Protein backbone atom coordinates (compact mmCIF):
# COMPACT_ATOMS: atom_id res chain seq x y z
CA UNK A 1 21.65 -15.30 26.29
CA UNK A 2 25.11 -14.89 24.80
CA UNK A 3 26.03 -12.17 22.37
CA UNK A 4 28.77 -11.51 19.86
CA UNK A 5 29.18 -7.82 19.25
CA UNK A 6 31.39 -6.11 16.65
CA UNK A 7 31.91 -2.45 17.37
CA UNK A 8 32.15 0.06 14.48
CA UNK A 9 35.47 1.08 12.97
CA UNK A 10 37.30 -2.00 14.30
CA UNK A 11 40.34 -2.69 12.08
CA UNK A 12 40.79 -6.38 11.33
CA UNK A 13 44.08 -7.83 10.13
CA UNK A 14 45.02 -11.07 8.43
CA UNK A 15 44.93 -14.17 10.59
CA UNK A 16 46.59 -17.32 9.24
CA UNK A 17 43.88 -19.74 10.23
CA UNK A 18 41.57 -22.15 8.52
CA UNK A 19 38.11 -20.73 7.87
CA UNK A 20 36.48 -24.03 8.87
CA UNK A 21 38.27 -24.03 12.26
CA UNK A 22 35.84 -24.92 15.02
CA UNK A 23 36.91 -21.80 16.93
CA UNK A 24 35.10 -19.69 14.38
CA UNK A 25 31.84 -21.63 14.55
CA UNK A 26 29.22 -21.64 17.29
CA UNK A 27 27.45 -24.97 17.44
CA UNK A 28 24.03 -25.36 19.00
CA UNK A 29 22.32 -28.75 19.32
CA UNK A 30 22.94 -30.88 16.26
CA UNK A 31 23.80 -28.09 13.79
CA UNK A 32 26.58 -25.59 13.24
CA UNK A 33 25.80 -21.89 13.18
CA UNK A 34 28.28 -19.80 11.31
CA UNK A 35 28.27 -16.52 13.18
CA UNK A 36 29.50 -14.10 10.59
CA UNK A 37 32.82 -13.42 12.36
CA UNK A 38 35.07 -11.13 10.35
CA UNK A 39 38.08 -11.78 12.57
CA UNK A 40 37.86 -15.41 11.42
CA UNK A 41 37.61 -14.52 7.75
CA UNK A 42 41.20 -13.53 7.04
CA UNK A 43 40.71 -9.99 5.73
CA UNK A 44 43.57 -7.45 5.82
CA UNK A 45 42.70 -3.89 6.88
CA UNK A 46 38.95 -4.13 6.42
CA UNK A 47 37.09 -1.68 8.62
CA UNK A 48 33.70 -2.54 10.07
CA UNK A 49 31.38 0.40 9.91
CA UNK A 50 28.43 -1.63 11.19
CA UNK A 51 27.51 -3.86 14.09
CA UNK A 52 26.85 -7.59 13.90
CA UNK A 53 24.90 -9.11 16.76
CA UNK A 54 23.50 -12.61 17.03
CA UNK A 55 21.66 -14.01 20.02
CA UNK A 56 21.01 -17.62 20.91
CA UNK A 57 20.16 -19.62 24.05
CA UNK A 58 22.92 -21.22 26.09
CA UNK A 59 23.47 -24.93 25.68
CA UNK A 60 25.88 -27.33 27.28
CA UNK A 61 26.00 -29.85 24.44
CA UNK A 62 28.09 -28.71 21.48
CA UNK A 63 28.41 -31.05 18.55
CA UNK A 64 29.33 -30.99 14.90
CA UNK A 65 27.09 -30.27 11.98
CA UNK A 66 24.40 -32.79 11.27
CA UNK A 67 25.05 -34.72 8.09
CA UNK A 68 21.39 -35.51 7.46
CA UNK A 69 20.10 -32.01 6.73
CA UNK A 70 17.14 -31.63 4.40
CA UNK A 71 18.02 -28.98 1.82
CA UNK A 72 16.18 -27.70 -1.23
CA UNK A 73 19.34 -27.68 -3.33
CA UNK A 74 22.89 -29.02 -3.23
CA UNK A 75 25.92 -27.37 -1.71
CA UNK A 76 25.75 -24.23 -3.88
CA UNK A 77 27.63 -21.11 -2.89
CA UNK A 78 26.26 -17.58 -3.18
CA UNK A 79 27.82 -14.14 -2.67
CA UNK A 80 25.65 -11.19 -1.63
CA UNK A 81 26.98 -7.61 -1.86
CA UNK A 82 24.71 -4.96 -0.34
CA UNK A 83 24.29 -2.38 2.42
CA UNK A 84 23.12 -3.64 5.84
CA UNK A 85 19.57 -5.02 5.96
CA UNK A 86 17.08 -4.62 3.14
CA UNK A 87 16.87 -6.88 0.11
CA UNK A 88 20.45 -8.07 0.62
CA UNK A 89 19.62 -9.52 4.03
CA UNK A 90 16.48 -11.23 2.69
CA UNK A 91 18.43 -12.79 -0.20
CA UNK A 92 21.22 -14.04 2.07
CA UNK A 93 18.90 -15.56 4.66
CA UNK A 94 16.48 -17.07 2.09
CA UNK A 95 19.34 -18.71 0.20
CA UNK A 96 20.78 -20.11 3.43
CA UNK A 97 17.40 -21.51 4.48
CA UNK A 98 17.31 -23.33 1.15
CA UNK A 99 20.62 -25.01 1.98
CA UNK A 100 23.10 -22.73 0.21
CA UNK A 101 26.44 -21.55 1.56
CA UNK A 102 26.23 -17.75 1.60
CA UNK A 103 28.94 -15.12 1.95
CA UNK A 104 27.46 -11.71 2.62
CA UNK A 105 29.74 -8.71 2.09
CA UNK A 106 28.24 -5.62 3.70
CA UNK A 107 29.16 -2.10 2.57
CA UNK A 108 28.55 0.36 5.40
CA UNK A 109 27.68 4.06 4.91
CA UNK A 110 30.32 6.80 4.75
CA UNK A 111 31.20 8.65 7.96
CA UNK A 112 28.83 11.45 9.01
CA UNK A 113 26.12 10.14 6.70
CA UNK A 114 22.60 10.92 7.89
CA UNK A 115 20.73 7.81 6.79
CA UNK A 116 16.97 7.86 6.34
CA UNK A 117 14.76 6.66 9.20
CA UNK A 118 14.28 2.91 9.05
CA UNK A 119 17.61 2.32 7.26
CA UNK A 120 19.74 -0.27 9.04
CA UNK A 121 23.27 0.65 10.07
CA UNK A 122 24.00 -2.72 11.64
CA UNK A 123 23.38 -6.38 10.88
CA UNK A 124 21.20 -8.16 13.42
CA UNK A 125 19.83 -11.66 12.80
CA UNK A 126 17.07 -13.06 14.97
CA UNK A 127 17.28 -16.35 16.81
CA UNK A 128 14.50 -17.83 14.66
CA UNK A 129 16.41 -17.01 11.44
CA UNK A 130 19.55 -18.71 12.74
CA UNK A 131 17.54 -21.77 13.74
CA UNK A 132 15.96 -22.06 10.28
CA UNK A 133 19.38 -21.75 8.64
CA UNK A 134 20.82 -24.44 10.91
CA UNK A 135 17.88 -26.80 10.35
CA UNK A 136 18.22 -26.46 6.56
CA UNK A 137 21.95 -27.17 6.65
CA UNK A 138 22.78 -23.74 5.23
CA UNK A 139 25.55 -21.38 6.23
CA UNK A 140 26.00 -17.61 6.33
CA UNK A 141 29.35 -15.88 6.67
CA UNK A 142 29.70 -12.13 6.82
CA UNK A 143 32.39 -9.51 6.33
CA UNK A 144 32.34 -5.91 5.24
CA UNK A 145 33.99 -2.56 4.80
CA UNK A 146 33.17 1.11 5.05
CA UNK A 147 32.61 2.94 1.79
CA UNK A 148 35.75 5.15 1.66
CA UNK A 149 38.06 2.11 2.05
CA UNK A 150 36.68 0.67 -1.19
CA UNK A 151 37.43 3.87 -3.11
CA UNK A 152 41.12 4.05 -2.20
CA UNK A 153 43.51 2.80 -4.91
CA UNK A 154 44.44 -0.84 -4.61
CA UNK A 155 48.17 -0.19 -4.15
CA UNK A 156 47.43 1.70 -0.92
CA UNK A 157 47.63 -0.25 2.34
CA UNK A 158 44.34 1.23 3.56
CA UNK A 159 42.46 -0.03 0.50
CA UNK A 160 40.01 -2.88 0.96
CA UNK A 161 39.55 -3.62 -2.75
CA UNK A 162 41.88 -6.63 -2.96
CA UNK A 163 40.48 -8.09 0.25
CA UNK A 164 36.99 -8.36 -1.27
CA UNK A 165 37.96 -10.86 -3.95
CA UNK A 166 40.28 -12.66 -1.51
CA UNK A 167 37.50 -13.29 0.98
CA UNK A 168 34.70 -13.98 -1.49
CA UNK A 169 36.70 -16.46 -3.51
CA UNK A 170 35.02 -18.74 -6.05
CA UNK A 171 31.24 -19.01 -5.98
CA UNK A 172 28.36 -20.32 -8.05
CA UNK A 173 26.31 -17.11 -8.09
CA UNK A 174 26.18 -13.53 -6.86
CA UNK A 175 23.45 -11.02 -5.91
CA UNK A 176 24.11 -7.27 -5.69
CA UNK A 177 21.74 -4.46 -4.73
CA UNK A 178 21.67 -0.80 -3.66
CA UNK A 179 18.66 -1.23 -1.36
CA UNK A 180 19.48 0.19 2.04
CA UNK A 181 21.90 2.84 0.76
CA UNK A 182 19.53 5.73 1.41
CA UNK A 183 20.83 8.98 2.87
CA UNK A 184 18.73 11.97 3.89
CA UNK A 185 19.52 14.55 1.20
CA UNK A 186 19.58 18.00 2.81
CA UNK A 187 22.60 19.61 1.19
CA UNK A 188 25.22 19.04 -1.49
CA UNK A 189 27.48 17.02 0.81
CA UNK A 190 24.70 14.48 1.35
CA UNK A 191 24.43 13.86 -2.39
CA UNK A 192 28.17 13.27 -2.52
CA UNK A 193 27.98 10.79 0.35
CA UNK A 194 25.16 8.99 -1.45
CA UNK A 195 27.34 8.75 -4.56
CA UNK A 196 30.27 7.46 -2.46
CA UNK A 197 28.12 4.72 -0.96
CA UNK A 198 26.80 3.51 -4.33
CA UNK A 199 30.23 3.74 -5.97
CA UNK A 200 31.68 1.59 -3.18
CA UNK A 201 28.97 -1.03 -3.77
CA UNK A 202 29.79 -1.10 -7.48
CA UNK A 203 33.52 -1.52 -6.79
CA UNK A 204 32.84 -4.33 -4.30
CA UNK A 205 30.50 -6.03 -6.78
CA UNK A 206 33.15 -5.84 -9.50
CA UNK A 207 35.76 -7.49 -7.27
CA UNK A 208 33.41 -10.15 -5.93
CA UNK A 209 32.24 -11.14 -9.43
CA UNK A 210 35.71 -12.09 -10.68
CA UNK A 211 35.48 -15.73 -9.57
CA UNK A 212 31.74 -16.28 -10.02
CA UNK A 213 30.92 -19.03 -12.50
CA UNK A 214 27.12 -18.93 -12.50
CA UNK A 215 24.27 -16.43 -12.48
CA UNK A 216 24.90 -12.76 -11.67
CA UNK A 217 21.78 -10.97 -10.44
CA UNK A 218 21.59 -7.17 -10.20
CA UNK A 219 18.62 -6.02 -8.08
CA UNK A 220 17.75 -2.46 -9.10
CA UNK A 221 15.02 0.06 -8.58
CA UNK A 222 12.74 0.85 -11.50
CA UNK A 223 14.12 4.38 -11.33
CA UNK A 224 17.66 3.19 -12.12
CA UNK A 225 18.68 3.99 -15.68
CA UNK A 226 18.59 1.14 -18.19
CA UNK A 227 21.77 1.32 -20.27
CA UNK A 228 21.49 -0.69 -23.46
CA UNK A 229 24.35 -2.12 -25.43
CA UNK A 230 25.64 0.44 -27.91
CA UNK A 231 24.09 3.40 -26.12
CA UNK A 232 26.55 6.24 -25.85
CA UNK A 233 24.63 8.09 -23.15
CA UNK A 234 26.16 6.36 -20.13
CA UNK A 235 26.02 7.52 -16.58
CA UNK A 236 28.83 9.73 -15.41
CA UNK A 237 31.64 7.79 -13.79
CA UNK A 238 33.58 8.57 -10.68
CA UNK A 239 32.40 11.31 -8.35
CA UNK A 240 33.91 11.51 -4.89
CA UNK A 241 35.48 8.07 -5.27
CA UNK A 242 37.65 9.17 -8.18
CA UNK A 243 38.43 12.41 -6.36
CA UNK A 244 39.79 10.48 -3.37
CA UNK A 245 41.91 8.32 -5.66
CA UNK A 246 43.28 11.27 -7.60
CA UNK A 247 44.46 12.96 -4.41
CA UNK A 248 46.54 9.87 -3.63
CA UNK A 249 48.16 9.79 -7.04
CA UNK A 250 46.01 7.20 -8.80
CA UNK A 251 42.40 6.58 -9.67
CA UNK A 252 39.89 3.85 -8.86
CA UNK A 253 38.03 2.44 -11.84
CA UNK A 254 34.34 2.76 -10.92
CA UNK A 255 31.84 1.05 -13.22
CA UNK A 256 29.07 3.24 -14.59
CA UNK A 257 26.24 0.90 -13.53
CA UNK A 258 25.79 -2.11 -11.29
CA UNK A 259 25.22 -4.28 -14.38
CA UNK A 260 28.57 -3.13 -15.80
CA UNK A 261 30.23 -3.97 -12.50
CA UNK A 262 28.98 -7.55 -12.84
CA UNK A 263 30.17 -7.90 -16.45
CA UNK A 264 27.44 -6.56 -18.73
CA UNK A 265 23.69 -6.57 -19.10
CA UNK A 266 23.93 -9.43 -21.60
CA UNK A 267 25.76 -11.74 -19.19
CA UNK A 268 23.77 -10.87 -16.06
CA UNK A 269 20.20 -11.05 -14.82
CA UNK A 270 18.35 -7.89 -13.80
CA UNK A 271 15.54 -7.82 -11.25
CA UNK A 272 13.63 -4.54 -10.87
CA UNK A 273 11.24 -3.40 -8.17
CA UNK A 274 8.81 -0.54 -7.58
CA UNK A 275 8.29 1.30 -4.31
CA UNK A 276 9.72 -1.03 -1.68
CA UNK A 277 8.04 -1.73 1.63
CA UNK A 278 8.57 -4.14 4.51
CA UNK A 279 11.21 -5.22 7.02
CA UNK A 280 13.19 -8.48 6.60
CA UNK A 281 11.67 -11.34 8.57
CA UNK A 282 15.12 -12.22 9.89
CA UNK A 283 15.31 -8.89 11.71
CA UNK A 284 14.39 -8.84 15.43
CA UNK A 285 12.39 -5.67 14.71
CA UNK A 286 9.98 -7.49 12.39
CA UNK A 287 6.47 -8.25 13.61
CA UNK A 288 3.58 -9.67 11.60
CA UNK A 289 1.16 -7.59 13.69
CA UNK A 290 0.84 -3.83 13.44
CA UNK A 291 1.26 -2.30 16.88
CA UNK A 292 1.62 -5.65 18.63
CA UNK A 293 -1.13 -7.93 19.96
CA UNK A 294 -4.54 -6.27 20.09
CA UNK A 295 -8.13 -7.27 20.67
CA UNK A 296 -8.64 -6.97 16.91
CA UNK A 297 -5.17 -7.76 15.47
CA UNK A 298 -4.08 -6.13 12.23
CA UNK A 299 -1.61 -7.89 9.93
CA UNK A 300 1.27 -5.95 8.41
CA UNK A 301 1.53 -5.19 4.68
CA UNK A 302 4.16 -7.87 4.18
CA UNK A 303 1.55 -10.51 5.01
CA UNK A 304 -1.39 -8.83 3.28
CA UNK A 305 0.41 -8.34 -0.08
CA UNK A 306 2.14 -11.66 -0.61
CA UNK A 307 0.95 -12.36 -4.14
CA UNK A 308 3.47 -11.55 -6.86
CA UNK A 309 3.43 -10.79 -10.57
CA UNK A 310 6.52 -11.12 -12.76
CA UNK A 311 6.67 -9.23 -16.08
CA UNK A 312 9.43 -8.61 -18.63
CA UNK A 313 10.74 -5.07 -18.24
CA UNK A 314 10.26 -4.42 -21.97
CA UNK A 315 6.54 -5.29 -21.75
CA UNK A 316 3.82 -2.71 -21.19
CA UNK A 317 3.52 -3.69 -17.50
CA UNK A 318 7.28 -3.37 -17.05
CA UNK A 319 7.35 -0.03 -18.84
CA UNK A 320 4.55 1.17 -16.58
CA UNK A 321 6.82 0.53 -13.60
CA UNK A 322 9.75 2.26 -15.32
CA UNK A 323 7.62 5.33 -16.01
CA UNK A 324 7.38 6.11 -12.29
CA UNK A 325 4.04 4.54 -11.42
CA UNK A 326 2.88 3.71 -7.90
CA UNK A 327 3.65 0.01 -8.31
CA UNK A 328 4.78 -1.46 -5.00
CA UNK A 329 7.09 -4.37 -4.25
CA UNK A 330 7.70 -6.25 -1.00
CA UNK A 331 11.28 -6.76 0.16
CA UNK A 332 10.36 -10.32 1.07
CA UNK A 333 9.32 -11.11 -2.51
CA UNK A 334 12.25 -9.27 -4.15
CA UNK A 335 14.86 -10.89 -1.90
CA UNK A 336 13.46 -14.38 -2.40
CA UNK A 337 13.18 -13.86 -6.18
CA UNK A 338 16.83 -12.75 -6.34
CA UNK A 339 17.96 -15.83 -4.42
CA UNK A 340 15.92 -18.17 -6.62
CA UNK A 341 17.21 -16.56 -9.83
CA UNK A 342 20.80 -16.80 -8.65
CA UNK A 343 20.51 -20.45 -7.56
CA UNK A 344 18.66 -21.57 -10.76
CA UNK A 345 15.49 -22.47 -8.88
CA UNK A 346 13.38 -20.74 -11.57
CA UNK A 347 13.78 -20.86 -15.38
CA UNK A 348 16.03 -17.95 -16.44
CA UNK A 349 18.21 -17.05 -19.40
CA UNK A 350 21.17 -14.72 -19.82
CA UNK A 351 20.19 -11.10 -20.28
CA UNK A 352 16.81 -11.59 -18.60
CA UNK A 353 15.36 -8.33 -17.26
CA UNK A 354 12.17 -8.69 -15.23
CA UNK A 355 10.15 -6.58 -12.80
CA UNK A 356 8.16 -7.82 -9.81
CA UNK A 357 5.12 -6.18 -8.25
CA UNK A 358 3.29 -7.24 -5.08
CA UNK A 359 -0.45 -7.90 -5.17
CA UNK A 360 -3.10 -8.36 -2.50
CA UNK A 361 -3.22 -11.85 -1.06
CA UNK A 362 -2.25 -13.46 2.23
CA UNK A 363 -1.31 -16.94 0.97
CA UNK A 364 2.46 -17.59 0.90
CA UNK A 365 4.08 -17.97 -2.53
CA UNK A 366 5.18 -21.56 -3.11
CA UNK A 367 8.03 -22.85 -5.26
CA UNK A 368 5.51 -24.00 -7.87
CA UNK A 369 4.03 -20.51 -8.12
CA UNK A 370 7.48 -18.95 -8.59
CA UNK A 371 8.28 -21.42 -11.34
CA UNK A 372 4.92 -20.82 -13.02
CA UNK A 373 5.46 -17.04 -13.13
CA UNK A 374 8.95 -17.28 -14.61
CA UNK A 375 7.84 -19.93 -17.11
CA UNK A 376 5.13 -17.54 -18.30
CA UNK A 377 7.71 -14.79 -18.74
CA UNK A 378 10.00 -17.13 -20.69
CA UNK A 379 7.16 -18.12 -23.02
CA UNK A 380 6.24 -14.46 -23.58
CA UNK A 381 9.81 -13.60 -24.55
CA UNK A 382 10.24 -16.63 -26.83
CA UNK A 383 6.96 -15.94 -28.66
CA UNK A 384 7.62 -12.21 -29.05
CA UNK A 385 4.65 -11.19 -26.90
CA UNK A 386 7.00 -9.72 -24.34
CA UNK A 387 7.58 -6.72 -26.61
CA UNK A 388 3.93 -6.38 -27.65
CA UNK A 389 2.70 -2.78 -27.49
CA UNK A 390 -0.81 -2.93 -28.94
CA UNK A 391 -3.31 -5.50 -30.12
CA UNK A 392 -6.79 -5.15 -31.67
CA UNK A 393 -9.15 -7.73 -33.10
CA UNK A 394 -11.49 -7.22 -36.07
CA UNK A 395 -14.37 -9.35 -37.21
CA UNK A 396 -12.56 -9.72 -40.55
CA UNK A 397 -10.25 -7.79 -42.88
CA UNK A 398 -11.49 -8.03 -46.51
CA UNK A 399 -8.19 -6.87 -48.04
CA UNK A 400 -5.07 -7.16 -45.80
CA UNK A 401 -2.62 -5.42 -48.23
CA UNK A 402 -5.04 -2.52 -48.64
CA UNK A 403 -5.27 -1.95 -44.86
CA UNK A 404 -1.47 -2.18 -44.51
CA UNK A 405 -0.99 0.25 -47.40
CA UNK A 406 -3.38 2.73 -45.77
CA UNK A 407 -1.42 2.55 -42.50
CA UNK A 408 1.91 3.05 -44.31
CA UNK A 409 0.92 5.84 -46.72
CA UNK A 410 -1.89 7.74 -44.98
CA UNK A 411 -2.01 7.16 -41.24
CA UNK A 412 1.65 6.91 -40.19
CA UNK A 413 2.99 9.96 -42.15
CA UNK A 414 0.20 12.09 -40.72
CA UNK A 415 1.06 11.04 -37.16
CA UNK A 416 4.79 11.67 -37.65
CA UNK A 417 3.99 15.25 -38.67
CA UNK A 418 2.07 15.99 -35.46
CA UNK A 419 3.49 18.31 -32.84
CA UNK A 420 3.93 15.53 -30.25
CA UNK A 421 6.41 13.75 -32.52
CA UNK A 422 7.99 16.74 -34.25
CA UNK A 423 8.78 18.36 -30.87
CA UNK A 424 11.25 15.60 -29.94
CA UNK A 425 14.58 17.40 -30.30
CA UNK A 426 17.00 15.24 -28.24
CA UNK A 427 17.87 11.59 -28.68
CA UNK A 428 16.13 9.08 -30.90
CA UNK A 429 12.82 9.87 -32.59
CA UNK A 430 10.52 8.18 -35.16
CA UNK A 431 11.61 9.40 -38.59
CA UNK A 432 10.06 7.44 -41.46
CA UNK A 433 7.83 4.49 -42.39
CA UNK A 434 8.63 1.45 -44.50
CA UNK A 435 6.59 -1.51 -45.74
CA UNK A 436 8.95 -4.50 -46.10
CA UNK A 437 6.04 -6.88 -46.74
CA UNK A 438 2.50 -6.39 -47.94
CA UNK A 439 1.11 -7.11 -44.46
CA UNK A 440 3.88 -5.48 -42.36
CA UNK A 441 4.47 -1.79 -41.60
CA UNK A 442 7.59 -0.55 -39.80
CA UNK A 443 8.08 2.84 -38.12
CA UNK A 444 11.83 3.50 -37.73
CA UNK A 445 13.56 5.40 -34.89
CA UNK A 446 16.88 7.09 -35.65
CA UNK A 447 19.46 9.16 -33.77
CA UNK A 448 22.67 10.94 -34.68
CA UNK A 449 25.86 9.13 -33.70
CA UNK A 450 29.06 10.84 -34.90
CA UNK A 451 26.94 12.89 -37.33
CA UNK A 452 25.48 9.74 -38.89
CA UNK A 453 21.89 8.55 -38.68
CA UNK A 454 21.68 5.20 -36.91
CA UNK A 455 18.56 3.03 -36.52
CA UNK A 456 18.06 2.41 -32.79
CA UNK A 457 14.63 0.75 -32.80
CA UNK A 458 11.41 0.03 -34.67
CA UNK A 459 7.70 -0.42 -34.20
CA UNK A 460 6.46 -3.30 -36.33
CA UNK A 461 2.73 -3.40 -37.14
CA UNK A 462 1.54 -6.81 -38.37
CA UNK A 463 -1.83 -6.91 -40.14
CA UNK A 464 -3.75 -10.19 -40.38
CA UNK A 465 -7.22 -11.38 -41.38
CA UNK A 466 -8.47 -10.98 -37.83
CA UNK A 467 -6.69 -7.87 -36.51
CA UNK A 468 -3.39 -6.06 -36.07
CA UNK A 469 -0.55 -6.28 -33.53
CA UNK A 470 2.20 -3.72 -32.81
CA UNK A 471 5.59 -4.95 -31.50
CA UNK A 472 8.73 -3.13 -30.42
CA UNK A 473 11.72 -4.19 -32.52
CA UNK A 474 15.50 -3.90 -32.40
CA UNK A 475 17.67 -1.46 -34.33
CA UNK A 476 20.84 -1.78 -36.37
CA UNK A 477 22.85 -4.66 -34.88
CA UNK A 478 25.98 -3.61 -36.77
CA UNK A 479 26.01 -0.31 -34.86
CA UNK A 480 25.37 -1.91 -31.47
CA UNK A 481 21.57 -1.62 -31.32
CA UNK A 482 20.68 -5.24 -31.96
CA UNK A 483 18.73 -5.62 -28.69
CA UNK A 484 15.11 -4.67 -28.14
CA UNK A 485 15.03 -1.59 -25.95
CA UNK A 486 13.87 -2.27 -22.41
CA UNK A 487 12.62 1.30 -22.03
CA UNK A 488 9.88 2.98 -24.10
CA UNK A 489 11.16 4.72 -27.21
CA UNK A 490 10.54 8.44 -27.51
CA UNK A 491 7.04 9.09 -28.87
CA UNK A 492 6.07 5.44 -28.63
CA UNK A 493 3.12 6.17 -26.36
CA UNK A 494 1.79 8.71 -28.88
CA UNK A 495 1.91 6.18 -31.71
CA UNK A 496 0.19 3.50 -29.62
CA UNK A 497 -2.60 5.90 -28.71
CA UNK A 498 -3.05 6.98 -32.34
CA UNK A 499 -2.98 3.36 -33.47
CA UNK A 500 -6.00 2.68 -31.28
CA UNK A 501 -7.79 5.54 -33.08
CA UNK A 502 -6.68 4.13 -36.44
CA UNK A 503 -8.39 0.83 -35.63
CA UNK A 504 -11.72 2.66 -35.31
CA UNK A 505 -11.07 4.66 -38.49
CA UNK A 506 -10.35 1.46 -40.42
CA UNK A 507 -13.83 0.16 -39.56
CA UNK A 508 -15.44 3.46 -40.58
CA UNK A 509 -13.59 3.43 -43.94
CA UNK A 510 -14.61 -0.14 -44.68
CA UNK A 511 -11.06 -1.48 -44.44
CA UNK A 512 -12.07 -3.83 -41.62
CA UNK A 513 -15.31 -5.18 -40.22
CA UNK A 514 -16.55 -4.93 -36.70
CA UNK A 515 -16.16 -8.02 -34.57
CA UNK A 516 -19.43 -9.86 -34.15
CA UNK A 517 -21.14 -9.20 -30.89
CA UNK A 518 -21.02 -12.16 -28.65
CA UNK A 519 -24.53 -13.09 -27.62
CA UNK A 520 -24.82 -14.63 -24.24
CA UNK A 521 -27.71 -17.04 -23.91
CA UNK A 522 -29.28 -16.80 -20.52
CA UNK A 523 -31.27 -19.86 -19.61
CA UNK A 524 -34.27 -18.89 -17.57
CA UNK A 525 -35.20 -21.34 -14.86
CA UNK A 526 -38.38 -23.32 -15.48
CA UNK A 527 -41.44 -21.93 -13.66
CA UNK A 528 -42.09 -23.69 -10.43
CA UNK A 529 -45.34 -25.60 -10.00
CA UNK A 530 -47.69 -24.10 -7.43
CA UNK A 531 -47.50 -25.94 -4.20
CA UNK A 532 -50.82 -27.15 -2.90
CA UNK A 533 -51.38 -26.42 0.77
CA UNK A 534 -51.28 -29.49 2.92
CA UNK A 535 -53.95 -29.89 5.55
CA UNK A 536 -52.58 -29.55 9.00
CA UNK A 537 -53.08 -32.65 11.05
CA UNK A 538 -53.16 -32.11 14.77
CA UNK A 539 -51.32 -34.60 16.91
CA UNK A 540 -53.72 -33.95 19.83
CA UNK A 541 -56.82 -36.14 20.06
CA UNK A 542 -59.96 -34.79 21.71
CA UNK A 543 -61.94 -36.77 24.25
CA UNK A 544 -64.91 -38.83 23.14
CA UNK A 545 -67.48 -36.41 24.63
CA UNK A 546 -66.25 -33.47 22.68
CA UNK A 547 -67.18 -33.35 19.06
CA UNK A 548 -64.71 -31.47 17.04
CA UNK A 549 -66.45 -28.97 14.79
CA UNK A 550 -64.83 -28.10 11.56
CA UNK A 551 -64.32 -24.43 10.99
CA UNK A 552 -66.81 -22.93 8.61
CA UNK A 553 -65.29 -22.05 5.34
CA UNK A 554 -65.42 -18.36 4.55
CA UNK A 555 -68.27 -17.41 2.17
CA UNK A 556 -67.25 -16.42 -1.27
CA UNK A 557 -70.66 -14.85 -2.09
CA UNK A 558 -71.02 -11.09 -2.36
CA UNK A 559 -73.32 -8.99 -0.24
CA UNK A 560 -76.79 -7.72 -1.38
CA UNK A 561 -75.66 -4.29 -2.38
CA UNK A 562 -72.80 -5.71 -4.38
CA UNK A 563 -75.31 -7.91 -6.22
CA UNK A 564 -77.45 -4.87 -7.19
CA UNK A 565 -80.43 -5.44 -4.87
CA UNK A 566 -82.33 -2.24 -4.00
CA UNK A 567 -83.51 -1.36 -0.54
CA UNK A 568 -86.92 -2.79 0.43
CA UNK A 569 -88.25 0.55 1.67
CA UNK A 570 -87.28 4.00 0.58
CA UNK A 571 -85.82 5.99 3.38
CA UNK A 572 -87.14 9.50 3.95
CA UNK A 573 -84.50 12.09 3.47
CA UNK A 574 -85.94 15.36 4.87
CA UNK A 575 -89.25 17.26 4.43
CA UNK A 576 -88.71 18.50 0.93
CA UNK A 577 -91.76 18.15 -1.22
CA UNK A 578 -91.52 16.13 -4.32
CA UNK A 579 -94.60 17.67 -6.07
CA UNK A 580 -96.24 21.08 -6.25
CA UNK A 581 -99.13 21.67 -3.78
CA UNK A 582 -102.68 21.52 -5.15
CA UNK A 583 -105.44 24.15 -4.80
CA UNK A 584 -107.50 21.91 -2.53
CA UNK A 585 -104.73 21.66 -0.04
CA UNK A 586 -104.46 25.48 0.08
């Protein structure tokens, strides 16, 4: 086998050559394999803090790329910005196996960073992954930089900021993620290194996005803060990156979030995941069997939890993931979903924010299943069910305005005065209730912005003849709160729980009727007719001298004692006299 090995901290300088030069491609059989060579990618002063190794069998016949390659999509280009391995590797390889031209920019960890066990510090692609990419007609090119080089001001010669946009160039889509940037936090310096690594990813994403004309996908953990438009409570900017820039006389502009680095949340797509598990299939370390071949083989989790569920982040299922639940997500599913969203292989819309959870199931997810899940999400958002918080059905509501008036004047004010709501001292909180229509009740959330009360969200309760539905609504669009919050509003869970109790109280007060019990008719099977015993016919014939006697049928008559017949003769039972002796006998 032949190997191409890039050692860490190897400074690469600009080479005036054509990227498509055959010297920078390794061709095997009838397809070209782009081997991620940074020295062929024309980058000035970019340091490699990782190792790239690809292995492939020797061959004597080298030829050009086959023109008749079966691809799932046209010649689309995709940029991936991520740490080594993880979701970024899955997205890059999946997109390439679907026929896309991928440029993967890898941001390596800071020096002296103690990464968590299982975190990749180098990029290694298996032979099978390269073969699948070549057969699909795709292409993967790779370059990268260490984190500190991306936090040095652009006017410095050691800065790698300008080289990112130069190498990435124009592209149809981009995928960015933090997955893989995990450092073992043992002291304060480790937290600073973690911040340096994430800040470098945000800077690289900002530069790579400049010439992207299509979808921009930010792949984030459910624990990452959701910053809404108009929200003043943004994440703190800078950190060690700004400190390094200030020491050199200038400052690097570091976006507050990954979504801000890619433009804004409105112009990008956000994909969220729970607790990640799994190793990329393109890694040589991946094995579908736990512990290798055994007498009773055991499949890994990546193959046992292949089923997926896609939900809007603002829905109850999405909020459950945001609230720190134990929802799990496979790296295989998240990486493939990011690639499909970026390449428009599933129905998406600008500003879409979805979360994906992995479910039990060993069947692979097909393209039709991906499209079905995202179509369901799109229909939920268009119909308003994506922001639905509570729903309850009644048998009937005799007077809809009366029930709505009771919710607005009796129930809601009493709940707003409870300790759970009154104890909210920071941020937005539910303040008052309005009734804009006779069948609609609104609970309004407000917060102080520059000493002025601003409406940041609402809970709209719609009462109908058959039940009531609670939806999360947007705030004051003029003050920048025109979007529906993707995170639960403060005290929203309390109101939903009390609204469930109010549904029962409405039935007790006669404001609504119980739903009719659904009777299930169970059809009993018809009684079976008794089966008459069939006489057994013997296949053996006796000889002519032997007369076959039929067995005597058992008597059904009862015995003599059962019939009440007395004994014929009385049996003597001892010498006891039955009569007194006479005088003559004495």
